[in-house]
Amino acid sequence: ITSNWFGINGTKTMSGTSMASPHVAGVIALIISQRGNMAPAKMKELLKSMATYGALKNVELTASNIILYVNKSI
């Protein structure tokens, strides 16, 4: 995930839960802003329905290999 970093126009690409967790939290906030609160199980179901599975290549076997995508239809 590419995010803000130090310096003018600074960005840095990082991976792992340190980057994925804020991304998912932001998606959840966006969904709540558009659809209102929902039960955690319903939110999990919605997030999983928005995800792409198995798209990453050369990842560790223990990796989830899931990409969360947000489109305009939220």
N, C-alpha and C. Protein backbone atom coordinates (compact mmCIF):
# COMPACT_ATOMS: atom_id res chain seq x y z
N ILE A 1 0.85 -1.16 0.00
CA ILE A 1 0.00 0.00 0.00
C ILE A 1 0.90 1.23 0.00
N THR A 2 0.63 2.15 -0.89
CA THR A 2 1.38 3.40 -0.93
C THR A 2 0.67 4.42 -0.04
N SER A 3 1.43 5.06 0.82
CA SER A 3 0.86 6.01 1.78
C SER A 3 1.74 7.25 1.85
N ASN A 4 1.26 8.23 2.60
CA ASN A 4 2.05 9.44 2.83
C ASN A 4 3.32 9.09 3.58
N TRP A 5 4.36 9.93 3.38
CA TRP A 5 5.63 9.72 4.07
C TRP A 5 6.27 11.08 4.26
N PHE A 6 7.42 11.10 4.89
CA PHE A 6 8.13 12.34 5.18
C PHE A 6 8.55 13.06 3.91
N GLY A 7 8.68 14.37 4.00
CA GLY A 7 9.18 15.16 2.88
C GLY A 7 8.08 15.69 1.99
N ILE A 8 8.46 16.61 1.13
CA ILE A 8 7.51 17.18 0.18
C ILE A 8 7.11 16.10 -0.82
N ASN A 9 5.82 15.91 -0.95
CA ASN A 9 5.27 14.87 -1.84
C ASN A 9 5.81 13.49 -1.50
N GLY A 10 6.16 13.26 -0.25
CA GLY A 10 6.73 11.98 0.15
C GLY A 10 5.70 10.87 0.20
N THR A 11 6.06 9.74 -0.36
CA THR A 11 5.24 8.53 -0.26
C THR A 11 6.16 7.35 0.03
N LYS A 12 5.58 6.30 0.53
CA LYS A 12 6.33 5.07 0.76
C LYS A 12 5.37 3.90 0.58
N THR A 13 5.86 2.85 -0.04
CA THR A 13 5.07 1.65 -0.23
C THR A 13 5.50 0.62 0.79
N MET A 14 4.53 0.13 1.55
CA MET A 14 4.79 -0.86 2.59
C MET A 14 3.72 -1.94 2.51
N SER A 15 3.97 -3.05 3.18
CA SER A 15 2.99 -4.13 3.18
C SER A 15 2.82 -4.64 4.60
N GLY A 16 1.88 -5.54 4.76
CA GLY A 16 1.64 -6.15 6.07
C GLY A 16 0.46 -5.53 6.78
N THR A 17 0.18 -6.06 7.95
CA THR A 17 -0.99 -5.61 8.71
C THR A 17 -0.87 -4.16 9.14
N SER A 18 0.34 -3.65 9.29
CA SER A 18 0.51 -2.24 9.67
C SER A 18 -0.08 -1.31 8.63
N MET A 19 -0.11 -1.73 7.40
CA MET A 19 -0.69 -0.93 6.34
C MET A 19 -2.10 -1.38 6.00
N ALA A 20 -2.37 -2.66 6.08
CA ALA A 20 -3.69 -3.18 5.71
C ALA A 20 -4.77 -2.76 6.70
N SER A 21 -4.46 -2.76 7.98
CA SER A 21 -5.47 -2.43 9.00
C SER A 21 -6.05 -1.04 8.82
N PRO A 22 -5.22 0.01 8.64
CA PRO A 22 -5.80 1.33 8.43
C PRO A 22 -6.60 1.43 7.13
N HIS A 23 -6.18 0.70 6.11
CA HIS A 23 -6.90 0.68 4.84
C HIS A 23 -8.30 0.10 5.05
N VAL A 24 -8.39 -1.02 5.72
CA VAL A 24 -9.67 -1.67 5.98
C VAL A 24 -10.54 -0.79 6.88
N ALA A 25 -9.94 -0.18 7.90
CA ALA A 25 -10.69 0.71 8.79
C ALA A 25 -11.27 1.89 8.00
N GLY A 26 -10.50 2.42 7.07
CA GLY A 26 -10.99 3.51 6.23
C GLY A 26 -12.15 3.08 5.35
N VAL A 27 -12.06 1.89 4.80
CA VAL A 27 -13.16 1.36 3.98
C VAL A 27 -14.41 1.18 4.83
N ILE A 28 -14.24 0.67 6.04
CA ILE A 28 -15.38 0.50 6.94
C ILE A 28 -16.01 1.86 7.25
N ALA A 29 -15.19 2.87 7.52
CA ALA A 29 -15.72 4.21 7.79
C ALA A 29 -16.49 4.74 6.59
N LEU A 30 -15.98 4.51 5.39
CA LEU A 30 -16.66 4.95 4.18
C LEU A 30 -18.01 4.25 4.03
N ILE A 31 -18.03 2.95 4.26
CA ILE A 31 -19.28 2.19 4.17
C ILE A 31 -20.29 2.71 5.18
N ILE A 32 -19.87 2.91 6.42
CA ILE A 32 -20.79 3.41 7.46
C ILE A 32 -21.31 4.80 7.08
N SER A 33 -20.46 5.64 6.50
CA SER A 33 -20.91 6.98 6.11
C SER A 33 -21.97 6.93 5.02
N GLN A 34 -21.94 5.90 4.19
CA GLN A 34 -22.88 5.77 3.08
C GLN A 34 -24.11 4.92 3.41
N ARG A 35 -23.91 3.91 4.23
CA ARG A 35 -24.99 2.93 4.49
C ARG A 35 -25.46 2.90 5.93
N GLY A 36 -24.76 3.58 6.81
CA GLY A 36 -25.12 3.56 8.22
C GLY A 36 -24.50 2.36 8.92
N ASN A 37 -24.71 2.31 10.22
CA ASN A 37 -24.15 1.22 11.02
C ASN A 37 -24.74 -0.12 10.62
N MET A 38 -23.97 -1.16 10.82
CA MET A 38 -24.46 -2.52 10.58
C MET A 38 -23.74 -3.46 11.53
N ALA A 39 -24.31 -4.62 11.72
CA ALA A 39 -23.72 -5.62 12.61
C ALA A 39 -22.34 -6.02 12.09
N PRO A 40 -21.40 -6.33 12.99
CA PRO A 40 -20.06 -6.75 12.56
C PRO A 40 -20.08 -7.90 11.56
N ALA A 41 -20.94 -8.88 11.77
CA ALA A 41 -21.00 -10.02 10.84
C ALA A 41 -21.44 -9.57 9.45
N LYS A 42 -22.37 -8.63 9.39
CA LYS A 42 -22.84 -8.10 8.10
C LYS A 42 -21.72 -7.31 7.41
N MET A 43 -20.97 -6.52 8.21
CA MET A 43 -19.85 -5.75 7.66
C MET A 43 -18.79 -6.70 7.10
N LYS A 44 -18.47 -7.75 7.84
CA LYS A 44 -17.48 -8.72 7.38
C LYS A 44 -17.93 -9.35 6.07
N GLU A 45 -19.20 -9.71 5.99
CA GLU A 45 -19.75 -10.31 4.77
C GLU A 45 -19.63 -9.34 3.60
N LEU A 46 -19.94 -8.07 3.84
CA LEU A 46 -19.85 -7.06 2.78
C LEU A 46 -18.40 -6.88 2.33
N LEU A 47 -17.48 -6.76 3.28
CA LEU A 47 -16.06 -6.60 2.93
C LEU A 47 -15.56 -7.79 2.11
N LYS A 48 -15.94 -8.99 2.51
CA LYS A 48 -15.50 -10.18 1.77
C LYS A 48 -16.08 -10.21 0.37
N SER A 49 -17.30 -9.68 0.21
CA SER A 49 -17.92 -9.66 -1.12
C SER A 49 -17.24 -8.65 -2.05
N MET A 50 -16.56 -7.65 -1.47
CA MET A 50 -15.87 -6.62 -2.25
C MET A 50 -14.44 -7.03 -2.59
N ALA A 51 -13.96 -8.12 -2.03
CA ALA A 51 -12.56 -8.50 -2.15
C ALA A 51 -12.29 -9.34 -3.40
N THR A 52 -11.03 -9.30 -3.81
CA THR A 52 -10.53 -10.14 -4.89
C THR A 52 -9.59 -11.16 -4.25
N TYR A 53 -9.81 -12.42 -4.53
CA TYR A 53 -9.04 -13.49 -3.92
C TYR A 53 -8.05 -14.08 -4.91
N GLY A 54 -6.84 -14.39 -4.42
CA GLY A 54 -5.85 -15.11 -5.22
C GLY A 54 -5.19 -14.31 -6.33
N ALA A 55 -5.27 -12.99 -6.30
CA ALA A 55 -4.70 -12.17 -7.37
C ALA A 55 -3.20 -11.94 -7.24
N LEU A 56 -2.68 -12.05 -6.03
CA LEU A 56 -1.26 -11.80 -5.80
C LEU A 56 -0.44 -13.02 -6.17
N LYS A 57 0.70 -12.77 -6.79
CA LYS A 57 1.59 -13.86 -7.20
C LYS A 57 2.83 -13.88 -6.32
N ASN A 58 3.42 -15.04 -6.16
CA ASN A 58 4.66 -15.21 -5.40
C ASN A 58 4.54 -14.74 -3.95
N VAL A 59 3.42 -15.06 -3.32
CA VAL A 59 3.25 -14.72 -1.90
C VAL A 59 3.42 -15.98 -1.07
N GLU A 60 3.72 -15.80 0.20
CA GLU A 60 3.88 -16.94 1.09
C GLU A 60 2.58 -17.72 1.19
N LEU A 61 2.69 -19.01 1.39
CA LEU A 61 1.51 -19.86 1.48
C LEU A 61 0.62 -19.48 2.66
N THR A 62 1.20 -18.87 3.67
CA THR A 62 0.42 -18.47 4.84
C THR A 62 -0.30 -17.14 4.65
N ALA A 63 -0.03 -16.44 3.55
CA ALA A 63 -0.68 -15.15 3.28
C ALA A 63 -2.13 -15.36 2.89
N SER A 64 -2.97 -14.43 3.29
CA SER A 64 -4.40 -14.51 2.95
C SER A 64 -4.65 -14.33 1.46
N ASN A 65 -3.82 -13.53 0.79
CA ASN A 65 -3.94 -13.27 -0.65
C ASN A 65 -5.31 -12.73 -1.02
N ILE A 66 -5.69 -11.66 -0.34
CA ILE A 66 -6.97 -11.00 -0.57
C ILE A 66 -6.71 -9.51 -0.78
N ILE A 67 -7.32 -8.93 -1.81
CA ILE A 67 -7.21 -7.50 -2.07
C ILE A 67 -8.59 -6.88 -1.88
N LEU A 68 -8.67 -5.86 -1.05
CA LEU A 68 -9.93 -5.15 -0.82
C LEU A 68 -10.04 -4.01 -1.81
N TYR A 69 -11.13 -3.98 -2.55
CA TYR A 69 -11.35 -2.97 -3.57
C TYR A 69 -12.61 -2.18 -3.24
N VAL A 70 -12.52 -0.87 -3.36
CA VAL A 70 -13.68 -0.01 -3.12
C VAL A 70 -14.03 0.68 -4.42
N ASN A 71 -15.26 0.51 -4.85
CA ASN A 71 -15.68 1.22 -6.07
C ASN A 71 -16.69 2.30 -5.72
N LYS A 72 -17.14 3.02 -6.71
CA LYS A 72 -18.04 4.15 -6.49
C LYS A 72 -19.42 3.74 -6.00
N SER A 73 -19.77 2.49 -6.12
CA SER A 73 -21.13 2.06 -5.81
C SER A 73 -21.42 1.87 -4.32
N ILE A 74 -20.43 2.14 -3.47
CA ILE A 74 -20.68 1.99 -2.04
C ILE A 74 -21.77 2.95 -1.66
